[in-house]
C-alpha cells in the first residue's frame, strides 16, 4: 500500500475512533436506526419470499411509509406520485361539489361546517358528522385531499355518502344514514356582515380565504359609516384557512407591534413570529369574538391573539384545536411527504394544538356558553333563511305543498337582530334564541351603560 494512501486511511480510522470515543451516543443512535430499519427490511424480504402471492416490492414500501406516517398525527400524510401530482394541480376556484368544509379527526373524515345554500346544507349535514363512506368505500385514514376529490365532481352528478352522527349523550350509540347528494357549482363566500341593535356591528367570518382581508376592510368601513360603535366577530364553524389572512385580520385591532402568533418546532428555523404593525385602524373599538368547538386553525389564531392581548372578550365553547404547520417534502420517486414540522402558539405561549391525552389545546373562552346540537341545527337553518330566503323548493319541498306554519316558518330575512332580541323571540315560537350572540350583545350594552355611569353626581 502506498505511504500516502496508508496515511489517509490511518487519519480516517483515527477520526472515527475519536468521534466514537468523544460522542458515543452518535454511534448508538446510528446503531438503533439500523436495527429499526433491519426489522422493516426483514419483513419486506419475508413477504417477498414466503407470502402466498407475488407482491410488488414498491407497493410494500409505500405501505410501510403510510404506516409510519399514520403513527404521527391526523395531518401528516405520505402521498404516492399520482396523488401528489393531483394535489399539486388542484387550482380550481369554483368547483362542482356538495358544499362542506372537512377535516380529519380521530382518523375519520369529519364535517367542520356545511356551507350555506349548498346541497350539504340542505341535506341537513351538521358540524361534527363523520363521513364514513364515499361511494361505499370507507374513509378511515383517507388522505383529506383524496376525500375532497371524491366528493367533488361535475355539477348535476350524484355522490353517495354514509354519515355517522355522535350521540347526544355520552355512552350512547352513533347513528348512521346513507344519503345521495346532487353536486352543484360551489361558489364560496368568506364573510357576511350586518348592523345589530344598538350600534353594534356584526361580521360573520365564514373562512379565511384569499380575499377575506379586502372584504373585511370593506365591511368594517361600511359598518363604521352606519354608526358602528362596538363589534361582534362570529368565528363559529369557521374551519380556518390562510395564516396570512388571520394575521391581517388581527392587525385591524392590534397595534404597537404586539405578538399575534408564533410557530415553534424541533428545529430552530421553524421558529417564526408574526406581529402587529405600529398602529391599527380599530385598536380601541370594543370587541367580542364568538367561537365554538368547530372554530379551527386561523380562527383560533385570531381568537388567541385577541384574548392574550386582552383586546376582546371570547364567548362560546373551547375551539377545535388545530394548530400544526405542515411542510410538503418531495421525495426521489416523485412521491411526497406532508410532515408536521411546527405548532402554533398564542402570544402567551399556549399551544393551540389539541392534545386528547392531556385534554389541552384550543382556545378556552372567557365566557362559556354551550349550545345543544338540536339548537345548533335550528340556528344554522335560521341563518340560511336570513341570507337566502325563499329556498323551500330547492331544499326539497315539493312545489305547491301547503306549508306547516309550526314546522316551516322562519324568522324574517331583513334583520339579524331579530335572532338575538329576547322579546321578539318569545313572540315567535318558531324561532330559537342564539344565546351566544345574545350574550355578546348584552355584554356590549352593559359596557355602554357602565361607561356612562358618573359616580358622585
Protein backbone atom coordinates (compact mmCIF):
# COMPACT_ATOMS: atom_id res chain seq x y z
CA UNK A 1 0.00 0.00 0.00
CA UNK A 2 1.43 3.42 -0.92
CA UNK A 3 2.53 5.51 2.07
CA UNK A 4 0.26 8.45 1.15
CA UNK A 5 -2.82 6.22 0.92
CA UNK A 6 -1.94 4.47 4.17
CA UNK A 7 -1.66 7.83 5.96
CA UNK A 8 -5.12 8.85 4.71
CA UNK A 9 -6.63 5.56 5.91
CA UNK A 10 -4.96 5.97 9.30
CA UNK A 11 -6.33 9.50 9.65
CA UNK A 12 -9.87 8.42 8.75
CA UNK A 13 -9.68 5.47 11.16
CA UNK A 14 -8.29 7.66 13.93
CA UNK A 15 -11.02 10.27 13.32
CA UNK A 16 -13.71 7.62 13.55
CA UNK A 17 -12.21 6.31 16.79
CA UNK A 18 -12.04 9.81 18.27
CA UNK A 19 -15.67 10.58 17.26
CA UNK A 20 -16.78 7.25 18.68
CA UNK A 21 -14.92 7.88 21.94
CA UNK A 22 -15.99 11.52 22.38
CA UNK A 23 -19.54 11.10 21.05
CA UNK A 24 -20.54 7.53 21.87
CA UNK A 25 -24.23 8.42 21.58
CA UNK A 26 -23.73 9.14 17.86
CA UNK A 27 -22.75 5.54 17.20
CA UNK A 28 -25.53 4.34 19.48
CA UNK A 29 -28.12 6.39 17.61
CA UNK A 30 -26.88 5.10 14.25
CA UNK A 31 -26.94 1.52 15.53
CA UNK A 32 -30.52 1.93 16.82
CA UNK A 33 -31.66 3.38 13.48
CA UNK A 34 -30.16 0.44 11.56
CA UNK A 35 -31.78 -2.01 13.99
CA UNK A 36 -35.18 -0.47 13.29
CA UNK A 37 -34.59 -0.43 9.55
CA UNK A 38 -33.45 -4.05 9.68
CA UNK A 39 -36.88 -5.08 11.01
CA UNK A 40 -38.57 -3.39 8.05
CA UNK A 41 -36.15 -5.00 5.59
CA UNK A 42 -36.62 -8.41 7.21
CA UNK A 43 -40.41 -8.12 6.96
CA UNK A 44 -40.13 -7.00 3.34
CA UNK A 45 -37.91 -9.98 2.45
CA UNK A 46 -40.12 -12.49 4.27
CA UNK A 47 -43.19 -11.26 2.41
CA UNK A 48 -41.37 -11.39 -0.94
CA UNK A 49 -40.14 -14.92 -0.30
CA UNK A 50 -43.00 -16.59 1.53
CA UNK A 51 -46.30 -14.78 1.00
CA UNK A 52 -48.87 -16.87 -0.88
CA UNK A 53 -48.93 -14.44 -3.82
CA UNK A 54 -46.28 -12.33 -5.51
CA UNK A 55 -46.32 -8.74 -4.28
CA UNK A 56 -44.75 -5.71 -5.94
CA UNK A 57 -41.94 -4.52 -3.60
CA UNK A 58 -42.73 -0.85 -4.21
CA UNK A 59 -46.30 -1.42 -3.03
CA UNK A 60 -44.90 -2.80 0.24
CA UNK A 61 -42.54 0.16 0.63
CA UNK A 62 -45.37 2.64 0.10
CA UNK A 63 -47.48 0.72 2.61
CA UNK A 64 -44.68 0.90 5.16
CA UNK A 65 -44.32 4.65 4.56
CA UNK A 66 -48.05 5.21 5.04
CA UNK A 67 -47.94 3.14 8.23
CA UNK A 68 -45.06 5.17 9.69
CA UNK A 69 -46.73 8.48 8.95
CA UNK A 70 -50.07 7.26 10.33
CA UNK A 71 -48.39 6.96 13.74
CA UNK A 72 -47.74 10.72 13.85
CA UNK A 73 -50.97 12.75 13.64
CA UNK A 74 -54.07 13.33 11.51
CA UNK A 75 -52.37 15.91 9.30
CA UNK A 76 -49.05 14.31 8.29
CA UNK A 77 -49.50 12.22 5.14
CA UNK A 78 -47.50 10.13 2.69
CA UNK A 79 -48.58 10.69 -0.92
CA UNK A 80 -47.79 8.35 -3.78
CA UNK A 81 -46.64 10.00 -7.03
CA UNK A 82 -50.07 10.10 -8.72
CA UNK A 83 -51.75 11.51 -5.63
CA UNK A 84 -49.03 14.13 -5.14
CA UNK A 85 -49.36 15.18 -8.81
CA UNK A 86 -53.11 15.63 -8.43
CA UNK A 87 -52.73 17.63 -5.20
CA UNK A 88 -50.24 19.99 -6.86
CA UNK A 89 -52.51 20.57 -9.85
CA UNK A 90 -55.63 21.38 -7.79
CA UNK A 91 -56.08 25.08 -8.53
CA UNK A 92 -59.85 25.29 -9.04
CA UNK A 93 -61.58 28.43 -7.78
CA UNK A 94 -65.11 27.25 -8.50
CA UNK A 95 -65.95 23.57 -8.45
CA UNK A 96 -68.74 21.06 -8.54
CA UNK A 97 -69.30 19.64 -5.09
CA UNK A 98 -71.66 19.25 -2.16
CA UNK A 99 -70.59 22.32 -0.16
CA UNK A 100 -68.82 21.30 3.06
CA UNK A 101 -65.58 22.03 4.84
CA UNK A 102 -63.98 18.85 6.16
CA UNK A 103 -61.03 17.85 8.30
CA UNK A 104 -59.58 14.70 9.84
CA UNK A 105 -60.46 13.97 13.47
CA UNK A 106 -59.60 10.72 15.22
CA UNK A 107 -58.76 9.19 11.84
CA UNK A 108 -62.15 9.95 10.29
CA UNK A 109 -63.24 12.47 7.70
CA UNK A 110 -65.25 14.97 9.75
CA UNK A 111 -67.56 17.81 8.74
CA UNK A 112 -66.38 21.16 10.11
CA UNK A 113 -69.30 23.05 8.63
CA UNK A 114 -71.75 22.79 5.74
CA UNK A 115 -71.58 25.92 3.58
CA UNK A 116 -74.77 27.98 3.41
CA UNK A 117 -77.12 27.46 0.47
CA UNK A 118 -75.41 24.25 -0.70
CA UNK A 119 -76.51 20.61 -1.22
CA UNK A 120 -74.80 19.50 2.03
CA UNK A 121 -76.65 22.16 3.99
CA UNK A 122 -80.00 21.18 2.51
CA UNK A 123 -79.25 17.52 3.26
CA UNK A 124 -79.03 18.59 6.93
CA UNK A 125 -75.42 17.57 7.39
CA UNK A 126 -74.13 19.02 10.66
CA UNK A 127 -70.74 20.03 12.05
CA UNK A 128 -69.19 17.00 13.74
CA UNK A 129 -70.80 14.47 11.41
CA UNK A 130 -68.39 11.82 10.19
CA UNK A 131 -68.40 10.89 6.51
CA UNK A 132 -67.56 7.21 6.97
CA UNK A 133 -68.11 6.11 3.36
CA UNK A 134 -67.96 7.70 -0.07
CA UNK A 135 -69.48 5.58 -2.83
CA UNK A 136 -69.39 2.58 -0.49
CA UNK A 137 -65.66 2.91 0.32
CA UNK A 138 -64.53 3.58 3.88
CA UNK A 139 -62.88 6.94 4.62
CA UNK A 140 -60.99 5.63 7.64
CA UNK A 141 -57.50 7.17 7.41
CA UNK A 142 -58.12 8.59 3.93
CA UNK A 143 -55.94 11.42 2.63
CA UNK A 144 -58.06 14.52 3.00
CA UNK A 145 -57.07 15.71 -0.48
CA UNK A 146 -58.36 12.46 -1.94
CA UNK A 147 -61.58 12.65 0.04
CA UNK A 148 -62.23 16.14 -1.31
CA UNK A 149 -61.61 14.91 -4.86
CA UNK A 150 -64.07 12.07 -4.37
CA UNK A 151 -66.73 14.49 -3.13
CA UNK A 152 -66.17 16.94 -5.97
CA UNK A 153 -67.34 16.29 -9.50
CA UNK A 154 -69.32 17.62 -12.41
CA UNK A 155 -72.35 19.67 -11.34
CA UNK A 156 -75.53 17.60 -11.74
CA UNK A 157 -73.85 14.28 -10.94
CA UNK A 158 -74.59 12.27 -7.82
CA UNK A 159 -72.38 11.13 -4.96
CA UNK A 160 -73.44 8.57 -2.36
CA UNK A 161 -72.12 9.02 1.16
CA UNK A 162 -72.70 7.47 4.57
CA UNK A 163 -72.92 9.79 7.57
CA UNK A 164 -72.32 8.87 11.22
CA UNK A 165 -73.59 11.24 13.90
CA UNK A 166 -72.45 11.27 17.52
CA UNK A 167 -75.00 10.55 20.27
CA UNK A 168 -76.49 13.45 22.19
CA UNK A 169 -75.33 11.94 25.49
CA UNK A 170 -72.10 10.18 26.45
CA UNK A 171 -72.32 6.42 26.21
CA UNK A 172 -74.98 6.49 23.52
CA UNK A 173 -74.64 4.90 20.10
CA UNK A 174 -73.65 6.65 16.90
CA UNK A 175 -76.40 6.75 14.28
CA UNK A 176 -75.72 6.30 10.57
CA UNK A 177 -77.61 7.16 7.41
CA UNK A 178 -76.98 6.88 3.68
CA UNK A 179 -77.67 9.92 1.54
CA UNK A 180 -77.35 10.68 -2.16
CA UNK A 181 -76.45 14.26 -2.97
CA UNK A 182 -76.51 16.00 -6.35
CA UNK A 183 -73.40 18.11 -6.86
CA UNK A 184 -73.70 21.80 -7.71
CA UNK A 185 -71.33 24.56 -8.73
CA UNK A 186 -70.00 25.82 -5.42
CA UNK A 187 -69.01 29.46 -5.15
CA UNK A 188 -67.59 30.14 -1.73
CA UNK A 189 -68.03 33.31 0.29
CA UNK A 190 -65.80 34.32 3.15
CA UNK A 191 -67.85 36.74 5.22
CA UNK A 192 -71.22 38.40 5.86
CA UNK A 193 -71.97 41.48 7.89
CA UNK A 194 -74.86 43.49 9.31
CA UNK A 195 -75.71 46.11 11.90
CA UNK A 196 -77.36 44.76 15.03
CA UNK A 197 -79.39 46.58 17.65
CA UNK A 198 -77.75 49.50 19.46
CA UNK A 199 -74.97 50.48 17.05
CA UNK A 200 -73.36 47.03 17.27
CA UNK A 201 -71.65 45.81 14.13
CA UNK A 202 -71.68 42.08 13.30
CA UNK A 203 -69.30 40.26 10.97
CA UNK A 204 -69.54 36.52 10.42
CA UNK A 205 -66.21 35.27 9.10
CA UNK A 206 -67.00 32.05 7.24
CA UNK A 207 -63.41 31.17 6.36
CA UNK A 208 -60.01 32.82 5.89
CA UNK A 209 -59.63 32.56 2.13
CA UNK A 210 -57.86 34.67 -0.49
CA UNK A 211 -59.76 37.98 -0.48
CA UNK A 212 -61.00 37.94 3.11
CA UNK A 213 -58.76 40.83 4.22
CA UNK A 214 -60.01 43.06 1.42
CA UNK A 215 -63.65 42.09 2.10
CA UNK A 216 -63.18 42.52 5.85
CA UNK A 217 -61.83 46.03 5.33
CA UNK A 218 -64.84 46.96 3.17
CA UNK A 219 -67.24 45.53 5.76
CA UNK A 220 -65.59 47.48 8.57
CA UNK A 221 -65.78 50.76 6.65
CA UNK A 222 -69.42 50.22 5.72
CA UNK A 223 -70.39 49.34 9.29
CA UNK A 224 -68.49 52.35 10.56
CA UNK A 225 -70.44 54.51 8.11
CA UNK A 226 -73.68 53.12 9.58
CA UNK A 227 -72.73 54.21 13.07
CA UNK A 228 -70.95 51.14 14.44
CA UNK A 229 -69.54 51.78 17.93
CA UNK A 230 -68.87 48.18 19.01
CA UNK A 231 -68.30 44.95 17.08
CA UNK A 232 -69.06 41.22 17.27
CA UNK A 233 -66.91 38.89 15.14
CA UNK A 234 -68.52 35.47 14.72
CA UNK A 235 -65.95 32.69 14.16
CA UNK A 236 -68.29 29.79 14.94
CA UNK A 237 -67.94 26.92 12.45
CA UNK A 238 -65.02 28.72 10.75
CA UNK A 239 -62.57 25.96 9.74
CA UNK A 240 -59.67 28.36 9.21
CA UNK A 241 -57.71 28.97 6.04
CA UNK A 242 -54.70 31.14 5.33
CA UNK A 243 -52.30 32.10 8.12
CA UNK A 244 -51.64 35.41 6.36
CA UNK A 245 -55.37 36.22 6.40
CA UNK A 246 -55.61 35.52 10.15
CA UNK A 247 -52.63 37.78 10.81
CA UNK A 248 -54.03 40.54 8.57
CA UNK A 249 -57.45 40.48 10.28
CA UNK A 250 -55.76 40.65 13.68
CA UNK A 251 -53.84 43.73 12.55
CA UNK A 252 -57.11 45.68 12.29
CA UNK A 253 -57.36 45.57 16.09
CA UNK A 254 -53.82 45.14 17.45
CA UNK A 255 -51.13 47.82 17.34
CA UNK A 256 -47.74 48.61 18.94
CA UNK A 257 -46.08 45.59 17.28
CA UNK A 258 -47.88 43.20 19.62
CA UNK A 259 -47.40 39.48 19.10
CA UNK A 260 -50.20 37.78 17.15
CA UNK A 261 -48.90 34.20 16.92
CA UNK A 262 -45.64 32.31 16.65
CA UNK A 263 -44.59 28.87 15.43
CA UNK A 264 -42.12 26.55 17.11
CA UNK A 265 -40.77 23.12 16.19
CA UNK A 266 -37.74 20.97 16.95
CA UNK A 267 -35.55 22.89 14.52
CA UNK A 268 -34.54 26.49 15.12
CA UNK A 269 -35.51 27.51 11.58
CA UNK A 270 -39.12 26.55 12.29
CA UNK A 271 -39.44 29.33 14.87
CA UNK A 272 -41.26 32.29 13.35
CA UNK A 273 -43.03 35.28 14.86
CA UNK A 274 -45.99 37.20 13.43
CA UNK A 275 -46.59 40.64 14.93
CA UNK A 276 -48.97 43.55 14.56
CA UNK A 277 -47.98 46.85 12.96
CA UNK A 278 -47.16 50.03 14.87
CA UNK A 279 -50.73 51.28 14.51
CA UNK A 280 -54.15 49.76 13.79
CA UNK A 281 -57.31 51.36 12.34
CA UNK A 282 -59.62 49.92 15.04
CA UNK A 283 -57.32 49.42 18.02
CA UNK A 284 -59.81 50.91 20.51
CA UNK A 285 -63.08 49.51 19.14
CA UNK A 286 -64.86 47.39 21.82
CA UNK A 287 -64.79 43.81 20.50
CA UNK A 288 -66.41 40.45 21.30
CA UNK A 289 -65.50 37.24 19.46
CA UNK A 290 -67.77 34.18 19.21
CA UNK A 291 -66.28 30.68 18.93
CA UNK A 292 -67.40 27.07 19.23
CA UNK A 293 -65.88 23.60 19.05
CA UNK A 294 -65.71 23.82 15.25
CA UNK A 295 -63.70 27.06 15.14
CA UNK A 296 -60.29 25.90 13.95
CA UNK A 297 -56.86 26.89 12.70
CA UNK A 298 -56.83 30.54 11.54
CA UNK A 299 -59.94 31.19 13.67
CA UNK A 300 -58.05 30.07 16.75
CA UNK A 301 -55.09 32.25 15.86
CA UNK A 302 -57.32 35.36 15.78
CA UNK A 303 -59.20 34.43 18.97
CA UNK A 304 -55.97 33.55 20.81
CA UNK A 305 -54.27 36.78 19.76
CA UNK A 306 -57.20 38.91 20.92
CA UNK A 307 -57.55 37.02 24.19
CA UNK A 308 -53.88 37.06 25.20
CA UNK A 309 -53.52 40.73 24.32
CA UNK A 310 -56.70 41.48 26.34
CA UNK A 311 -58.17 43.02 23.22
CA UNK A 312 -61.51 41.17 23.12
CA UNK A 313 -63.85 39.02 25.18
CA UNK A 314 -64.18 35.47 23.81
CA UNK A 315 -67.61 33.83 24.22
CA UNK A 316 -68.76 30.28 23.37
CA UNK A 317 -67.08 26.87 23.60
CA UNK A 318 -63.48 25.69 23.58
CA UNK A 319 -62.28 25.63 20.00
CA UNK A 320 -61.28 22.69 17.79
CA UNK A 321 -57.53 22.72 18.47
CA UNK A 322 -55.94 22.53 15.03
CA UNK A 323 -52.67 24.42 15.01
CA UNK A 324 -49.97 22.43 13.29
CA UNK A 325 -47.70 23.60 10.48
CA UNK A 326 -47.16 21.18 7.60
CA UNK A 327 -44.35 21.16 5.07
CA UNK A 328 -44.65 19.40 1.69
CA UNK A 329 -41.42 17.48 1.03
CA UNK A 330 -40.97 15.92 -2.46
CA UNK A 331 -39.21 12.55 -2.49
CA UNK A 332 -36.87 10.97 -5.04
CA UNK A 333 -39.53 8.94 -6.90
CA UNK A 334 -41.98 11.90 -7.19
CA UNK A 335 -43.93 10.81 -4.15
CA UNK A 336 -44.10 13.29 -1.26
CA UNK A 337 -44.35 13.60 2.48
CA UNK A 338 -46.59 16.17 4.12
CA UNK A 339 -44.99 16.43 7.55
CA UNK A 340 -45.93 18.41 10.64
CA UNK A 341 -42.84 20.47 11.44
CA UNK A 342 -44.12 23.02 13.96
CA UNK A 343 -47.10 24.14 16.04
CA UNK A 344 -48.80 27.48 16.53
CA UNK A 345 -48.64 29.19 19.91
CA UNK A 346 -50.62 32.14 21.24
CA UNK A 347 -48.73 35.28 22.38
CA UNK A 348 -48.65 33.95 25.97
CA UNK A 349 -47.15 30.65 24.81
CA UNK A 350 -50.22 28.41 24.91
CA UNK A 351 -50.22 25.59 22.37
CA UNK A 352 -53.37 25.70 20.27
CA UNK A 353 -52.97 22.12 19.02
CA UNK A 354 -55.46 19.67 20.57
CA UNK A 355 -53.92 17.15 22.96
CA UNK A 356 -56.51 14.45 23.69
CA UNK A 357 -54.33 12.73 26.29
CA UNK A 358 -53.86 15.83 28.45
CA UNK A 359 -57.14 17.46 27.40
CA UNK A 360 -55.38 20.66 26.39
CA UNK A 361 -55.32 22.80 23.29
CA UNK A 362 -57.83 25.01 21.56
CA UNK A 363 -58.87 28.42 22.86
CA UNK A 364 -60.87 28.39 26.09
CA UNK A 365 -63.42 31.22 26.04
CA UNK A 366 -63.65 33.87 28.73
CA UNK A 367 -67.37 33.18 28.99
CA UNK A 368 -68.53 29.63 28.25
CA UNK A 369 -71.93 29.12 26.62
CA UNK A 370 -72.78 25.61 25.39
CA UNK A 371 -75.50 25.08 22.83
CA UNK A 372 -77.39 21.76 22.36
CA UNK A 373 -76.95 20.06 18.99
CA UNK A 374 -80.63 20.40 18.10
CA UNK A 375 -80.49 24.14 18.80
CA UNK A 376 -77.34 24.45 16.68
CA UNK A 377 -79.15 22.81 13.81
CA UNK A 378 -82.08 25.23 14.06
CA UNK A 379 -79.75 28.22 14.31
CA UNK A 380 -77.93 27.14 11.16
CA UNK A 381 -81.26 26.87 9.36
CA UNK A 382 -82.33 30.30 10.60
CA UNK A 383 -79.09 31.80 9.42
CA UNK A 384 -79.67 30.28 6.00
CA UNK A 385 -83.10 31.86 5.72
CA UNK A 386 -81.85 35.25 6.90
CA UNK A 387 -79.46 35.43 3.98
CA UNK A 388 -81.13 33.18 1.42
CA UNK A 389 -84.90 33.49 1.90
CA UNK A 390 -87.35 31.50 -0.21
CA UNK A 391 -85.30 28.33 -0.72
CA UNK A 392 -88.08 25.91 0.25
CA UNK A 393 -88.49 24.32 -3.17
CA UNK A 394 -84.76 23.90 -3.73
CA UNK A 395 -84.40 22.44 -0.27
CA UNK A 396 -86.58 19.52 -1.29
CA UNK A 397 -90.13 20.65 -0.51
CA UNK A 398 -92.43 19.87 -3.46
CA UNK A 399 -93.87 22.91 -5.21
CA UNK A 400 -97.48 23.56 -4.24
CA UNK A 401 -97.27 21.72 -0.92
CA UNK A 402 -99.09 23.50 1.87
CA UNK A 403 -96.63 24.77 4.45
CA UNK A 404 -96.94 23.78 8.07
CA UNK A 405 -96.62 27.11 9.95
CA UNK A 406 -95.13 25.43 13.02
CA UNK A 407 -92.53 23.44 11.11
CA UNK A 408 -91.75 25.61 8.11
CA UNK A 409 -91.92 29.16 9.48
CA UNK A 410 -88.64 31.06 9.70
CA UNK A 411 -87.55 34.37 11.13
CA UNK A 412 -87.80 37.43 8.86
CA UNK A 413 -84.84 37.78 6.48
CA UNK A 414 -84.41 41.52 6.89
CA UNK A 415 -82.76 41.85 10.31
CA UNK A 416 -80.16 39.75 12.09
CA UNK A 417 -81.04 41.33 15.42
CA UNK A 418 -84.40 39.53 15.28
CA UNK A 419 -82.43 36.43 16.29
CA UNK A 420 -80.99 38.00 19.40
CA UNK A 421 -83.73 40.18 20.85
CA UNK A 422 -85.33 38.16 23.63
CA UNK A 423 -88.73 39.83 23.45
CA UNK A 424 -89.04 39.15 19.73
CA UNK A 425 -88.02 35.53 20.22
CA UNK A 426 -90.66 34.98 22.87
CA UNK A 427 -93.30 36.11 20.41
CA UNK A 428 -92.05 33.77 17.71
CA UNK A 429 -92.50 30.16 18.73
CA UNK A 430 -90.87 29.00 15.51
CA UNK A 431 -87.58 30.81 16.23
CA UNK A 432 -84.78 29.76 18.59
CA UNK A 433 -82.57 32.09 20.56
CA UNK A 434 -78.90 32.43 19.68
CA UNK A 435 -77.76 32.54 23.31
CA UNK A 436 -74.10 33.04 22.40
CA UNK A 437 -74.77 36.07 20.21
CA UNK A 438 -77.33 37.31 22.72
CA UNK A 439 -74.73 37.17 25.50
CA UNK A 440 -72.31 39.18 23.38
CA UNK A 441 -74.90 41.89 22.73
CA UNK A 442 -75.81 42.05 26.43
CA UNK A 443 -72.14 42.41 27.31
CA UNK A 444 -71.63 45.28 24.88
CA UNK A 445 -74.80 47.01 26.10
CA UNK A 446 -73.62 46.59 29.69
CA UNK A 447 -70.27 48.13 28.80
CA UNK A 448 -72.05 51.14 27.33
CA UNK A 449 -74.22 51.57 30.43
CA UNK A 450 -71.27 51.22 32.81
CA UNK A 451 -69.27 53.67 30.71
CA UNK A 452 -71.98 56.29 31.17
CA UNK A 453 -72.03 55.99 34.97
CA UNK A 454 -70.84 59.09 36.82
CA UNK A 455 -70.27 58.17 40.50
CA UNK A 456 -70.84 61.01 42.97
CA UNK A 457 -73.03 63.08 40.67
